[in-house]
């Protein structure tokens, strides 16, 4: 199983459900205990300022702390374990490339896929046994869990014969 691809699909479907069928419901937000700050480019600062309502709708509270610093005060509730700075930078890049109405219209697709990708567990992170079991249970409840948002396969079943052949058993 590709844990990143599998987690990405489950997070994507969760976000899509939370936005509602029309994509008009704001994503539930989780305030951070302490704001996360980062040094932002002038474009990131301008984009955060110009698209504050869109960011809020996506579950973010992001604002300028100074002329060179952005503060993240909340993130989408489904992505609390993700790197907040990477998430915000990804969304700001999308918003800078496309106008807000276009971004919101495609939120069910590329933007949610991008959020899910940044929010998914990384390939080299070791999962605990309870985390592995939770991911498998999430996959059982998730539509199209056999592919990630980019179309990659999330899991593949091998027969005992195929597994033996991989290790030159029975020859």
C-alpha atoms as a PDB file:
ATOM      1  CA  UNK A   1       0.000   0.000   0.000  1.00  0.00           C
ATOM      2  CA  UNK A   2       1.197   3.517  -0.791  1.00  0.00           C
ATOM      3  CA  UNK A   3       0.302   5.200   2.495  1.00  0.00           C
ATOM      4  CA  UNK A   4       0.733   8.727   1.123  1.00  0.00           C
ATOM      5  CA  UNK A   5      -1.547   8.094  -1.864  1.00  0.00           C
ATOM      6  CA  UNK A   6      -4.119   6.298   0.302  1.00  0.00           C
ATOM      7  CA  UNK A   7      -4.167   9.030   2.948  1.00  0.00           C
ATOM      8  CA  UNK A   8      -4.318  11.684   0.243  1.00  0.00           C
ATOM      9  CA  UNK A   9      -7.500  10.106  -1.202  1.00  0.00           C
ATOM     10  CA  UNK A  10      -9.190   9.800   2.184  1.00  0.00           C
ATOM     11  CA  UNK A  11      -8.374  13.427   3.081  1.00  0.00           C
ATOM     12  CA  UNK A  12      -9.539  14.645  -0.347  1.00  0.00           C
ATOM     13  CA  UNK A  13     -12.909  12.905  -0.034  1.00  0.00           C
ATOM     14  CA  UNK A  14     -13.334  14.232   3.519  1.00  0.00           C
ATOM     15  CA  UNK A  15     -12.638  17.821   2.395  1.00  0.00           C
ATOM     16  CA  UNK A  16     -14.954  17.449  -0.594  1.00  0.00           C
ATOM     17  CA  UNK A  17     -17.772  16.257   1.656  1.00  0.00           C
ATOM     18  CA  UNK A  18     -17.203  19.114   4.093  1.00  0.00           C
ATOM     19  CA  UNK A  19     -17.417  21.744   1.319  1.00  0.00           C
ATOM     20  CA  UNK A  20     -20.831  20.407   0.321  1.00  0.00           C
ATOM     21  CA  UNK A  21     -22.212  19.494  -3.117  1.00  0.00           C
ATOM     22  CA  UNK A  22     -22.081  23.081  -4.397  1.00  0.00           C
ATOM     23  CA  UNK A  23     -18.706  23.835  -2.810  1.00  0.00           C
ATOM     24  CA  UNK A  24     -20.283  26.731  -0.954  1.00  0.00           C
ATOM     25  CA  UNK A  25     -19.955  25.639   2.679  1.00  0.00           C
ATOM     26  CA  UNK A  26     -16.828  26.846   4.489  1.00  0.00           C
ATOM     27  CA  UNK A  27     -14.465  24.105   5.583  1.00  0.00           C
ATOM     28  CA  UNK A  28     -14.453  23.557   9.342  1.00  0.00           C
ATOM     29  CA  UNK A  29     -11.492  25.371  10.830  1.00  0.00           C
ATOM     30  CA  UNK A  30      -9.196  24.530  13.743  1.00  0.00           C
ATOM     31  CA  UNK A  31      -7.665  27.514  15.547  1.00  0.00           C
ATOM     32  CA  UNK A  32      -4.007  27.029  16.398  1.00  0.00           C
ATOM     33  CA  UNK A  33      -2.955  27.364  20.023  1.00  0.00           C
ATOM     34  CA  UNK A  34      -0.123  29.639  18.906  1.00  0.00           C
ATOM     35  CA  UNK A  35      -0.003  31.312  15.495  1.00  0.00           C
ATOM     36  CA  UNK A  36       2.550  29.894  13.082  1.00  0.00           C
ATOM     37  CA  UNK A  37       4.550  32.645  11.419  1.00  0.00           C
ATOM     38  CA  UNK A  38       6.754  32.587   8.347  1.00  0.00           C
ATOM     39  CA  UNK A  39       8.716  34.980   6.204  1.00  0.00           C
ATOM     40  CA  UNK A  40       6.547  35.679   3.158  1.00  0.00           C
ATOM     41  CA  UNK A  41       7.336  37.067  -0.249  1.00  0.00           C
ATOM     42  CA  UNK A  42       5.649  40.279  -1.383  1.00  0.00           C
ATOM     43  CA  UNK A  43       3.437  38.184  -3.688  1.00  0.00           C
ATOM     44  CA  UNK A  44       2.387  35.901  -0.816  1.00  0.00           C
ATOM     45  CA  UNK A  45       1.576  38.915   1.368  1.00  0.00           C
ATOM     46  CA  UNK A  46      -0.487  40.556  -1.392  1.00  0.00           C
ATOM     47  CA  UNK A  47      -2.284  37.306  -2.216  1.00  0.00           C
ATOM     48  CA  UNK A  48      -3.171  36.690   1.453  1.00  0.00           C
ATOM     49  CA  UNK A  49      -4.517  40.226   1.703  1.00  0.00           C
ATOM     50  CA  UNK A  50      -6.482  40.112  -1.562  1.00  0.00           C
ATOM     51  CA  UNK A  51      -7.972  36.639  -0.999  1.00  0.00           C
ATOM     52  CA  UNK A  52      -8.718  36.645   2.729  1.00  0.00           C
ATOM     53  CA  UNK A  53     -12.362  35.640   2.200  1.00  0.00           C
ATOM     54  CA  UNK A  54     -11.368  32.684   0.016  1.00  0.00           C
ATOM     55  CA  UNK A  55      -8.772  31.571   2.554  1.00  0.00           C
ATOM     56  CA  UNK A  56     -11.405  31.781   5.295  1.00  0.00           C
ATOM     57  CA  UNK A  57     -13.802  29.699   3.212  1.00  0.00           C
ATOM     58  CA  UNK A  58     -11.089  27.061   2.886  1.00  0.00           C
ATOM     59  CA  UNK A  59     -10.605  26.962   6.672  1.00  0.00           C
ATOM     60  CA  UNK A  60      -7.585  29.252   6.998  1.00  0.00           C
ATOM     61  CA  UNK A  61      -7.086  32.386   9.056  1.00  0.00           C
ATOM     62  CA  UNK A  62      -3.983  34.008   7.593  1.00  0.00           C
ATOM     63  CA  UNK A  63      -2.935  37.616   8.039  1.00  0.00           C
ATOM     64  CA  UNK A  64       0.046  39.912   7.847  1.00  0.00           C
ATOM     65  CA  UNK A  65       2.014  40.225  11.048  1.00  0.00           C
ATOM     66  CA  UNK A  66       4.493  42.665   9.504  1.00  0.00           C
ATOM     67  CA  UNK A  67       5.629  43.784   6.063  1.00  0.00           C
ATOM     68  CA  UNK A  68       7.537  40.522   5.669  1.00  0.00           C
ATOM     69  CA  UNK A  69       5.683  38.037   7.865  1.00  0.00           C
ATOM     70  CA  UNK A  70       2.411  36.144   7.640  1.00  0.00           C
ATOM     71  CA  UNK A  71       0.722  34.543  10.646  1.00  0.00           C
ATOM     72  CA  UNK A  72      -1.420  31.427  10.359  1.00  0.00           C
ATOM     73  CA  UNK A  73      -4.052  31.397  13.106  1.00  0.00           C
ATOM     74  CA  UNK A  74      -6.214  28.503  11.919  1.00  0.00           C
ATOM     75  CA  UNK A  75      -6.118  25.664   9.387  1.00  0.00           C
ATOM     76  CA  UNK A  76      -8.766  23.320   7.973  1.00  0.00           C
ATOM     77  CA  UNK A  77      -9.789  20.945  10.765  1.00  0.00           C
ATOM     78  CA  UNK A  78      -9.110  17.904   8.567  1.00  0.00           C
ATOM     79  CA  UNK A  79      -5.491  18.999   8.099  1.00  0.00           C
ATOM     80  CA  UNK A  80      -4.348  19.807  11.637  1.00  0.00           C
ATOM     81  CA  UNK A  81      -1.445  17.335  11.432  1.00  0.00           C
ATOM     82  CA  UNK A  82      -0.082  18.863   8.221  1.00  0.00           C
ATOM     83  CA  UNK A  83       2.693  21.413   7.850  1.00  0.00           C
ATOM     84  CA  UNK A  84       0.693  24.651   8.123  1.00  0.00           C
ATOM     85  CA  UNK A  85       3.274  26.751   6.298  1.00  0.00           C
ATOM     86  CA  UNK A  86       3.481  24.330   3.350  1.00  0.00           C
ATOM     87  CA  UNK A  87      -0.327  24.225   3.174  1.00  0.00           C
ATOM     88  CA  UNK A  88      -0.691  28.009   3.166  1.00  0.00           C
ATOM     89  CA  UNK A  89       2.126  28.497   0.672  1.00  0.00           C
ATOM     90  CA  UNK A  90       0.501  25.970  -1.678  1.00  0.00           C
ATOM     91  CA  UNK A  91      -2.898  27.640  -1.459  1.00  0.00           C
ATOM     92  CA  UNK A  92      -1.389  31.122  -1.881  1.00  0.00           C
ATOM     93  CA  UNK A  93       0.463  29.925  -4.987  1.00  0.00           C
ATOM     94  CA  UNK A  94      -2.805  28.587  -6.437  1.00  0.00           C
ATOM     95  CA  UNK A  95      -4.617  31.825  -5.617  1.00  0.00           C
ATOM     96  CA  UNK A  96      -1.820  33.929  -7.132  1.00  0.00           C
ATOM     97  CA  UNK A  97      -2.010  31.915 -10.367  1.00  0.00           C
ATOM     98  CA  UNK A  98      -5.793  31.960 -10.706  1.00  0.00           C
ATOM     99  CA  UNK A  99      -8.424  34.453  -9.627  1.00  0.00           C
ATOM    100  CA  UNK A 100     -10.440  33.599  -6.530  1.00  0.00           C
ATOM    101  CA  UNK A 101     -13.664  32.745  -8.354  1.00  0.00           C
ATOM    102  CA  UNK A 102     -11.760  30.282 -10.533  1.00  0.00           C
ATOM    103  CA  UNK A 103     -10.013  28.827  -7.494  1.00  0.00           C
ATOM    104  CA  UNK A 104     -13.279  28.392  -5.615  1.00  0.00           C
ATOM    105  CA  UNK A 105     -14.959  26.817  -8.663  1.00  0.00           C
ATOM    106  CA  UNK A 106     -12.213  24.264  -8.980  1.00  0.00           C
ATOM    107  CA  UNK A 107     -11.949  23.770  -5.218  1.00  0.00           C
ATOM    108  CA  UNK A 108     -13.612  20.365  -5.532  1.00  0.00           C
ATOM    109  CA  UNK A 109     -10.769  19.262  -7.759  1.00  0.00           C
ATOM    110  CA  UNK A 110      -7.259  20.702  -7.894  1.00  0.00           C
ATOM    111  CA  UNK A 111      -7.309  22.866  -4.781  1.00  0.00           C
ATOM    112  CA  UNK A 112      -8.714  20.151  -2.542  1.00  0.00           C
ATOM    113  CA  UNK A 113      -6.305  17.686  -4.151  1.00  0.00           C
ATOM    114  CA  UNK A 114      -3.447  20.064  -3.378  1.00  0.00           C
ATOM    115  CA  UNK A 115      -4.628  20.523   0.218  1.00  0.00           C
ATOM    116  CA  UNK A 116      -5.012  16.765   0.594  1.00  0.00           C
ATOM    117  CA  UNK A 117      -1.565  16.117  -0.877  1.00  0.00           C
ATOM    118  CA  UNK A 118       0.135  18.597   1.452  1.00  0.00           C
ATOM    119  CA  UNK A 119      -1.901  17.283   4.377  1.00  0.00           C
ATOM    120  CA  UNK A 120      -1.263  13.584   3.760  1.00  0.00           C
ATOM    121  CA  UNK A 121       1.354  11.592   5.613  1.00  0.00           C
ATOM    122  CA  UNK A 122       4.699  11.570   3.852  1.00  0.00           C
ATOM    123  CA  UNK A 123       6.137   8.423   2.290  1.00  0.00           C
ATOM    124  CA  UNK A 124       9.113   8.054   4.656  1.00  0.00           C
ATOM    125  CA  UNK A 125       7.226   8.698   7.873  1.00  0.00           C
ATOM    126  CA  UNK A 126       6.860   5.559   9.957  1.00  0.00           C
ATOM    127  CA  UNK A 127       3.244   5.004  10.971  1.00  0.00           C
ATOM    128  CA  UNK A 128       2.351   3.388  14.267  1.00  0.00           C
ATOM    129  CA  UNK A 129       0.208   0.263  14.214  1.00  0.00           C
ATOM    130  CA  UNK A 130      -2.904   2.221  15.340  1.00  0.00           C
ATOM    131  CA  UNK A 131      -2.254   4.792  12.566  1.00  0.00           C
ATOM    132  CA  UNK A 132      -1.942   1.991   9.983  1.00  0.00           C
ATOM    133  CA  UNK A 133      -5.182   0.416  11.154  1.00  0.00           C
ATOM    134  CA  UNK A 134      -6.959   3.788  11.151  1.00  0.00           C
ATOM    135  CA  UNK A 135      -5.814   4.447   7.575  1.00  0.00           C
ATOM    136  CA  UNK A 136      -7.054   1.033   6.448  1.00  0.00           C
ATOM    137  CA  UNK A 137     -10.440   1.648   8.119  1.00  0.00           C
ATOM    138  CA  UNK A 138     -10.639   5.085   6.433  1.00  0.00           C
ATOM    139  CA  UNK A 139      -9.920   3.467   3.069  1.00  0.00           C
ATOM    140  CA  UNK A 140     -12.778   1.020   3.617  1.00  0.00           C
ATOM    141  CA  UNK A 141     -15.174   3.980   4.040  1.00  0.00           C
ATOM    142  CA  UNK A 142     -13.751   6.132   1.233  1.00  0.00           C
ATOM    143  CA  UNK A 143     -15.074   6.116  -2.331  1.00  0.00           C
ATOM    144  CA  UNK A 144     -12.462   5.407  -5.013  1.00  0.00           C
ATOM    145  CA  UNK A 145      -9.843   4.613  -2.385  1.00  0.00           C
ATOM    146  CA  UNK A 146      -7.977   2.463  -4.893  1.00  0.00           C
ATOM    147  CA  UNK A 147      -6.542   5.623  -6.534  1.00  0.00           C
ATOM    148  CA  UNK A 148      -5.139   8.854  -5.186  1.00  0.00           C
ATOM    149  CA  UNK A 149      -6.257  12.235  -6.513  1.00  0.00           C
ATOM    150  CA  UNK A 150      -3.572  12.107  -9.194  1.00  0.00           C
ATOM    151  CA  UNK A 151      -4.691   8.702 -10.482  1.00  0.00           C
ATOM    152  CA  UNK A 152      -1.912   6.642  -8.872  1.00  0.00           C
ATOM    153  CA  UNK A 153      -2.787   3.249  -7.430  1.00  0.00           C
ATOM    154  CA  UNK A 154      -3.012   3.267  -3.650  1.00  0.00           C
ATOM    155  CA  UNK A 155      -2.687  -0.478  -3.113  1.00  0.00           C
ATOM    156  CA  UNK A 156      -2.012  -3.702  -4.967  1.00  0.00           C
ATOM    157  CA  UNK A 157      -2.769  -7.234  -3.860  1.00  0.00           C
ATOM    158  CA  UNK A 158      -0.201  -9.953  -4.532  1.00  0.00           C
ATOM    159  CA  UNK A 159      -0.989 -13.628  -4.499  1.00  0.00           C
ATOM    160  CA  UNK A 160       1.264 -15.945  -2.527  1.00  0.00           C
ATOM    161  CA  UNK A 161       2.642 -17.246  -5.832  1.00  0.00           C
ATOM    162  CA  UNK A 162       3.529 -13.679  -6.971  1.00  0.00           C
ATOM    163  CA  UNK A 163       5.115 -12.928  -3.620  1.00  0.00           C
ATOM    164  CA  UNK A 164       7.176 -16.125  -3.756  1.00  0.00           C
ATOM    165  CA  UNK A 165       8.300 -15.244  -7.295  1.00  0.00           C
ATOM    166  CA  UNK A 166       9.578 -11.860  -6.108  1.00  0.00           C
ATOM    167  CA  UNK A 167      11.905 -13.621  -3.697  1.00  0.00           C
ATOM    168  CA  UNK A 168      12.807 -16.540  -6.015  1.00  0.00           C
ATOM    169  CA  UNK A 169      11.008 -19.054  -3.808  1.00  0.00           C
ATOM    170  CA  UNK A 170       9.975 -22.402  -5.263  1.00  0.00           C
ATOM    171  CA  UNK A 171      12.670 -22.459  -7.949  1.00  0.00           C
END
